[in-house]
Protein backbone atom coordinates (compact mmCIF):
# COMPACT_ATOMS: atom_id res chain seq x y z
CA MET A 1 -62.07 -47.49 -94.66
CA SER A 2 -60.78 -48.73 -91.31
CA TYR A 3 -57.76 -47.39 -89.45
CA MET A 4 -55.89 -50.65 -90.14
CA GLU A 5 -56.62 -50.39 -93.86
CA ASP A 6 -55.19 -46.87 -93.90
CA ASN A 7 -51.99 -48.18 -92.36
CA GLN A 8 -51.85 -51.07 -94.81
CA ARG A 9 -52.05 -48.59 -97.69
CA LEU A 10 -49.17 -46.73 -96.09
CA ILE A 11 -47.09 -49.91 -96.06
CA ALA A 12 -47.93 -50.41 -99.75
CA ARG A 13 -46.59 -46.89 -100.42
CA LEU A 14 -43.45 -47.77 -98.49
CA ALA A 15 -42.91 -50.89 -100.62
CA ALA A 16 -43.43 -48.86 -103.79
CA GLU A 17 -40.92 -46.22 -102.67
CA ILE A 18 -38.27 -48.87 -101.99
CA GLY A 19 -39.12 -50.45 -105.34
CA LYS A 20 -37.85 -47.33 -107.09
CA VAL A 21 -34.28 -48.53 -106.65
CA ILE A 22 -34.78 -52.30 -106.26
CA LYS A 23 -36.00 -53.44 -109.67
CA GLY A 24 -37.74 -56.80 -109.97
CA LYS A 25 -37.13 -57.82 -106.36
CA ASP A 26 -40.62 -57.42 -104.97
CA ASN A 27 -40.28 -60.56 -102.85
CA ALA A 28 -37.08 -59.27 -101.23
CA VAL A 29 -38.86 -56.00 -100.38
CA VAL A 30 -41.82 -57.87 -98.90
CA MET A 31 -39.52 -60.09 -96.81
CA LEU A 32 -37.68 -57.02 -95.53
CA LEU A 33 -40.94 -55.34 -94.52
CA THR A 34 -42.13 -58.60 -92.96
CA ALA A 35 -39.09 -58.60 -90.68
CA LEU A 36 -39.53 -54.92 -89.88
CA LEU A 37 -43.22 -55.18 -88.99
CA SER A 38 -42.75 -58.33 -86.90
CA GLN A 39 -39.75 -56.75 -85.14
CA GLY A 40 -37.37 -59.42 -86.38
CA HIS A 41 -33.99 -59.32 -88.12
CA ILE A 42 -33.04 -60.35 -91.64
CA LEU A 43 -29.95 -61.93 -93.18
CA ILE A 44 -29.39 -61.28 -96.89
CA GLU A 45 -26.97 -63.78 -98.41
CA ASP A 46 -25.82 -63.43 -102.00
CA VAL A 47 -22.99 -62.56 -104.34
CA PRO A 48 -21.67 -58.96 -104.44
CA GLY A 49 -23.39 -56.31 -106.52
CA VAL A 50 -27.01 -57.52 -106.56
CA GLY A 51 -28.44 -54.79 -104.33
CA LYS A 52 -28.16 -56.04 -100.74
CA THR A 53 -26.80 -52.79 -99.35
CA THR A 54 -29.02 -50.67 -101.59
CA LEU A 55 -32.12 -52.44 -100.27
CA ALA A 56 -31.19 -51.69 -96.67
CA MET A 57 -30.34 -48.05 -97.37
CA ALA A 58 -33.59 -47.58 -99.30
CA LEU A 59 -35.57 -48.79 -96.28
CA GLY A 60 -33.76 -46.31 -94.05
CA LYS A 61 -34.53 -43.37 -96.32
CA ALA A 62 -38.14 -44.35 -97.06
CA THR A 63 -39.07 -44.77 -93.39
CA GLY A 64 -37.17 -41.73 -92.17
CA LEU A 65 -35.80 -43.80 -89.29
CA GLY A 66 -32.31 -43.64 -87.83
CA PHE A 67 -29.93 -45.61 -90.04
CA ARG A 68 -26.32 -46.70 -89.52
CA ARG A 69 -24.04 -48.89 -91.57
CA ALA A 70 -21.32 -51.08 -90.06
CA GLN A 71 -18.80 -52.35 -92.59
CA PHE A 72 -17.50 -55.42 -90.81
CA THR A 73 -13.81 -56.26 -91.07
CA PRO A 74 -11.55 -58.34 -88.78
CA ASP A 75 -10.43 -55.23 -86.88
CA VAL A 76 -13.93 -54.06 -85.91
CA MET A 77 -14.25 -54.36 -82.12
CA ALA A 78 -17.21 -55.33 -79.96
CA SER A 79 -17.15 -51.87 -78.37
CA ASP A 80 -17.71 -50.35 -81.83
CA ILE A 81 -21.05 -52.15 -81.84
CA THR A 82 -22.24 -51.79 -78.24
CA GLY A 83 -20.49 -48.54 -77.28
CA PHE A 84 -18.09 -47.86 -74.44
CA THR A 85 -17.60 -45.69 -71.37
CA MET A 86 -15.08 -42.85 -71.31
CA PHE A 87 -13.90 -40.74 -68.40
CA ASN A 88 -14.92 -37.09 -68.61
CA LYS A 89 -12.26 -35.27 -66.62
CA ASP A 90 -14.17 -31.97 -66.77
CA GLU A 91 -17.17 -33.47 -64.96
CA ASN A 92 -15.13 -36.10 -63.09
CA ARG A 93 -17.33 -39.01 -64.16
CA PHE A 94 -17.59 -41.79 -66.73
CA GLU A 95 -19.88 -41.24 -69.71
CA TYR A 96 -21.40 -43.73 -72.13
CA ARG A 97 -20.50 -43.22 -75.78
CA SER A 98 -23.06 -44.98 -77.94
CA GLY A 99 -22.12 -47.67 -80.43
CA LEU A 100 -23.50 -48.46 -83.86
CA VAL A 101 -26.52 -50.32 -82.43
CA MET A 102 -27.99 -47.09 -81.06
CA THR A 103 -30.15 -46.60 -84.13
CA ASN A 104 -33.38 -47.91 -85.64
CA ILE A 105 -31.91 -49.71 -88.65
CA LEU A 106 -28.44 -51.22 -88.47
CA LEU A 107 -26.92 -52.50 -91.69
CA ALA A 108 -24.31 -55.09 -90.72
CA ASP A 109 -22.45 -55.34 -94.01
CA GLU A 110 -20.49 -58.58 -94.54
CA VAL A 111 -21.18 -59.70 -90.99
CA ASN A 112 -19.16 -62.90 -91.47
CA ARG A 113 -15.92 -60.96 -92.02
CA THR A 114 -15.57 -59.84 -88.42
CA SER A 115 -14.38 -61.81 -85.40
CA PRO A 116 -16.69 -64.10 -83.38
CA LYS A 117 -16.31 -61.77 -80.39
CA THR A 118 -17.69 -58.85 -82.39
CA GLN A 119 -20.41 -61.02 -83.89
CA SER A 120 -21.50 -62.08 -80.41
CA ALA A 121 -21.77 -58.42 -79.40
CA LEU A 122 -24.83 -58.30 -81.63
CA LEU A 123 -26.55 -61.15 -79.77
CA GLU A 124 -27.92 -59.22 -76.81
CA ALA A 125 -28.88 -56.28 -79.00
CA MET A 126 -30.75 -58.49 -81.48
CA GLU A 127 -32.53 -60.60 -78.88
CA GLU A 128 -33.06 -58.28 -75.93
CA LYS A 129 -33.12 -54.91 -77.79
CA ARG A 130 -30.56 -53.57 -75.29
CA VAL A 131 -26.83 -53.61 -74.57
CA THR A 132 -24.92 -53.84 -71.31
CA VAL A 133 -21.68 -51.85 -71.03
CA ASP A 134 -19.67 -51.96 -67.80
CA GLY A 135 -22.69 -53.36 -65.97
CA VAL A 136 -25.07 -50.61 -67.13
CA VAL A 137 -28.03 -51.51 -69.36
CA HIS A 138 -28.81 -49.21 -72.28
CA GLU A 139 -32.11 -49.67 -74.11
CA LEU A 140 -32.07 -49.49 -77.91
CA PRO A 141 -34.36 -47.20 -79.90
CA SER A 142 -37.68 -48.66 -81.05
CA PRO A 143 -38.16 -50.06 -83.60
CA PHE A 144 -34.79 -51.78 -84.03
CA ILE A 145 -33.86 -54.09 -86.89
CA VAL A 146 -30.55 -55.60 -87.97
CA ILE A 147 -30.15 -56.12 -91.71
CA ALA A 148 -27.06 -58.27 -92.12
CA THR A 149 -25.42 -59.19 -95.40
CA GLN A 150 -22.86 -61.79 -96.30
CA ASN A 151 -21.28 -63.01 -99.50
CA SER A 152 -22.37 -66.54 -100.35
CA GLN A 153 -19.09 -67.10 -102.22
CA GLY A 154 -15.47 -66.79 -101.12
CA TYR A 155 -15.25 -67.98 -97.52
CA VAL A 156 -11.49 -67.36 -97.21
CA GLY A 157 -10.83 -65.06 -94.27
CA THR A 158 -14.41 -65.22 -92.98
CA PHE A 159 -15.92 -66.38 -89.68
CA PRO A 160 -19.10 -68.41 -90.38
CA LEU A 161 -21.98 -67.42 -88.13
CA PRO A 162 -22.62 -70.06 -85.43
CA GLU A 163 -26.07 -71.59 -84.99
CA ALA A 164 -26.85 -69.33 -82.01
CA GLN A 165 -26.18 -66.24 -84.11
CA LEU A 166 -28.11 -67.49 -87.13
CA ASP A 167 -31.09 -68.28 -84.90
CA ARG A 168 -31.37 -64.58 -84.03
CA PHE A 169 -32.27 -63.81 -87.62
CA GLN A 170 -35.96 -64.25 -88.23
CA ILE A 171 -35.60 -64.41 -92.02
CA ARG A 172 -32.85 -65.31 -94.46
CA ILE A 173 -33.20 -64.48 -98.14
CA SER A 174 -31.15 -64.36 -101.31
CA MET A 175 -31.53 -61.49 -103.77
CA GLY A 176 -30.55 -63.33 -106.96
CA TYR A 177 -29.51 -61.89 -110.28
CA PRO A 178 -31.97 -59.68 -112.19
CA THR A 179 -33.41 -60.67 -115.55
CA ILE A 180 -32.05 -59.04 -118.70
CA GLU A 181 -35.01 -56.64 -118.81
CA GLU A 182 -34.60 -55.70 -115.13
CA GLU A 183 -30.87 -55.19 -115.50
CA ALA A 184 -31.45 -52.98 -118.55
CA ARG A 185 -33.83 -50.84 -116.48
CA ILE A 186 -31.24 -50.61 -113.69
CA ILE A 187 -28.62 -49.39 -116.18
CA MET A 188 -31.03 -46.85 -117.66
CA ASP A 189 -31.94 -45.51 -114.21
CA ARG A 190 -28.29 -44.99 -113.32
CA GLN A 191 -27.66 -42.80 -116.38
CA GLY A 192 -29.31 -39.85 -114.71
CA GLY A 193 -27.71 -40.38 -111.29
CA ASN A 194 -28.50 -42.59 -108.34
CA PRO A 195 -32.27 -43.24 -107.95
CA ALA A 196 -31.70 -43.72 -104.21
CA ASP A 197 -31.19 -39.96 -103.96
CA ASP A 198 -34.83 -39.46 -104.99
CA ILE A 199 -36.32 -41.62 -102.23
CA GLU A 200 -38.49 -39.63 -99.87
CA PRO A 201 -39.77 -40.62 -96.42
CA VAL A 202 -43.36 -41.82 -96.77
CA MET A 203 -44.12 -42.34 -93.09
CA THR A 204 -43.11 -41.22 -89.63
CA ALA A 205 -41.75 -43.30 -86.79
CA GLU A 206 -45.12 -42.94 -85.04
CA GLN A 207 -46.99 -44.26 -88.08
CA LEU A 208 -44.63 -47.21 -88.34
CA ALA A 209 -45.18 -47.94 -84.65
CA ASP A 210 -48.94 -47.99 -85.32
CA CYS A 211 -48.41 -50.49 -88.15
CA ILE A 212 -46.28 -52.71 -85.90
CA ASP A 213 -49.03 -52.55 -83.30
CA ASP A 214 -51.59 -53.51 -85.95
CA VAL A 215 -49.60 -56.66 -86.77
CA THR A 216 -49.93 -57.85 -83.17
CA ARG A 217 -53.72 -57.86 -83.68
CA VAL A 218 -53.70 -59.96 -86.85
CA ASN A 219 -55.66 -63.14 -86.19
CA PHE A 220 -53.60 -66.33 -85.97
CA SER A 221 -56.03 -69.13 -85.19
CA GLU A 222 -55.46 -72.05 -82.85
CA SER A 223 -55.56 -74.44 -85.80
CA LEU A 224 -52.69 -72.52 -87.41
CA CYS A 225 -50.71 -72.73 -84.17
CA ARG A 226 -51.04 -76.49 -84.32
CA TYR A 227 -50.15 -76.46 -88.04
CA VAL A 228 -46.89 -74.59 -87.34
CA ALA A 229 -46.06 -76.95 -84.46
CA GLN A 230 -46.63 -79.94 -86.74
CA LEU A 231 -44.35 -78.44 -89.40
CA SER A 232 -41.60 -77.86 -86.85
CA SER A 233 -41.97 -81.38 -85.52
CA ALA A 234 -41.80 -82.76 -89.07
CA THR A 235 -38.42 -81.09 -89.62
CA ARG A 236 -37.09 -82.79 -86.49
CA MET A 237 -38.47 -86.17 -87.59
CA HIS A 238 -37.13 -85.98 -91.15
CA PRO A 239 -34.53 -88.72 -91.74
CA GLY A 240 -32.14 -86.33 -93.49
CA VAL A 241 -32.10 -83.72 -90.72
CA GLU A 242 -29.64 -83.66 -87.86
CA LEU A 243 -30.95 -80.47 -86.20
CA GLY A 244 -34.54 -79.41 -86.85
CA ALA A 245 -36.55 -76.27 -86.20
CA SER A 246 -36.85 -75.19 -82.56
CA PRO A 247 -39.83 -73.61 -80.76
CA ARG A 248 -38.10 -70.24 -81.32
CA ALA A 249 -38.34 -70.96 -85.06
CA SER A 250 -42.05 -71.73 -84.69
CA ILE A 251 -42.65 -68.42 -82.93
CA ALA A 252 -40.66 -66.62 -85.63
CA LEU A 253 -42.83 -68.24 -88.32
CA MET A 254 -46.01 -67.21 -86.51
CA LYS A 255 -44.90 -63.58 -86.16
CA ALA A 256 -43.65 -63.39 -89.73
CA SER A 257 -46.93 -64.85 -91.03
CA CYS A 258 -48.92 -62.18 -89.21
CA ALA A 259 -46.77 -59.43 -90.73
CA PHE A 260 -46.95 -61.01 -94.19
CA ALA A 261 -50.75 -61.25 -94.03
CA TYR A 262 -50.87 -57.60 -92.95
CA ILE A 263 -48.74 -56.56 -95.93
CA MET A 264 -51.08 -58.54 -98.18
CA GLY A 265 -53.97 -56.43 -96.88
CA ARG A 266 -55.56 -58.94 -94.50
CA ASP A 267 -56.15 -59.01 -90.75
CA TYR A 268 -55.95 -62.81 -90.56
CA VAL A 269 -53.39 -65.46 -91.52
CA VAL A 270 -54.12 -68.32 -93.93
CA PRO A 271 -52.09 -71.56 -94.36
CA GLU A 272 -50.70 -70.26 -97.66
CA ASP A 273 -48.92 -67.46 -95.78
CA ILE A 274 -47.13 -70.03 -93.63
CA ALA A 275 -46.18 -72.11 -96.67
CA GLN A 276 -44.81 -68.99 -98.35
CA LEU A 277 -42.59 -68.18 -95.37
CA ILE A 278 -41.38 -71.58 -94.20
CA VAL A 279 -38.23 -71.50 -96.36
CA PRO A 280 -37.00 -67.98 -95.44
CA VAL A 281 -37.81 -68.55 -91.75
CA PHE A 282 -36.74 -72.19 -91.27
CA SER A 283 -33.95 -72.81 -93.81
CA HIS A 284 -31.08 -71.31 -91.78
CA ARG A 285 -32.21 -73.10 -88.63
CA ILE A 286 -31.97 -76.63 -90.02
CA THR A 287 -28.80 -78.73 -90.21
CA LEU A 288 -28.66 -81.72 -92.54
CA ARG A 289 -26.92 -84.97 -91.79
CA GLN A 290 -23.47 -85.25 -93.35
CA GLU A 291 -24.44 -88.18 -95.55
CA MET A 292 -27.44 -86.25 -96.86
CA ARG A 293 -25.25 -83.31 -97.85
CA MET A 294 -23.00 -85.72 -99.74
CA LYS A 295 -26.10 -86.92 -101.61
CA LYS A 296 -26.83 -83.29 -102.60
CA LEU A 297 -29.98 -83.10 -100.49
CA THR A 298 -30.87 -79.45 -99.82
CA VAL A 299 -32.69 -77.80 -96.93
CA ASN A 300 -35.26 -76.40 -99.37
CA SER A 301 -36.13 -79.88 -100.62
CA VAL A 302 -36.50 -81.05 -97.01
CA LEU A 303 -38.92 -78.21 -96.30
CA GLN A 304 -40.93 -79.06 -99.40
CA ASP A 305 -41.17 -82.64 -98.10
CA VAL A 306 -42.33 -81.27 -94.75
CA LEU A 307 -45.05 -79.15 -96.37
CA LEU A 308 -46.32 -82.17 -98.30
CA SER A 309 -46.30 -84.39 -95.20
CA VAL A 310 -48.46 -82.09 -93.03
CA ALA A 311 -52.04 -81.37 -94.04
CA PRO A 312 -52.95 -77.68 -93.61
CA PRO A 313 -56.07 -76.82 -91.62
CA VAL A 314 -59.25 -76.35 -93.58
CA ARG A 315 -60.52 -72.77 -93.60
CA GLY A 316 -63.63 -72.17 -91.57
CA ARG A 317 -63.08 -75.13 -89.26
């Protein structure tokens, strides 16, 4: 067994450990690990109580990485996120006091309930993996991932994320309600306590870094590069779309596909991986025309049209 295969088995153990508390949401777990391994960020949008926060906390415990939770409210300040400098009178100098981003995994709970100024404080951290406070640059720990949540219902008192902020998220998913059988299992598991308390770290930070390095070596052929570019172009040409996918979205799809293929136990990407990921990677980056929204056209239906309009490359050619 190769070194990469050993690491892939480790990722499978990680997914299984998280699955102890997230019943019936295997796809959500895979999408979360896809973002982690491709060094992206993920936005989880759904109604309260379906496991958004639990999923993020389970990842923190199972990886053994640094984990912080920011419960966003209108009074949370930008300095709470980035940190601030404070004068130390004993040493007669200013010292940097770290903010919530100085961790490996940051859970930004209900990110749309804080002010735009605080939301924008996440931009540099998410894109550049660093923050600048009083002109001094502070590098963030590696790896670093933001797992943001927001309620898809009840927009009163919220600040919708602007396009520039949404574009920083590599993946957007929705958890969805469990089935009756899954919900019954969740209730049974809670009778004996919280299953999250039983989660054990299954890997070290060094092992995770090796897995992330493996993903960079997953083969993404030139024909697939052209396929992704054609898909992006098709979103911009679609008659119902006002703002289509950008080159940043194409790069995000490429990186996510490599991580997804790695999780699936391969060292190469196939067109089916790209088709599987186009909705979670592209959907929040596309804006429909007003008249199309009035006709109940959805972004997902646009992306299905795009997939049907672009022929995938034939394997082996």
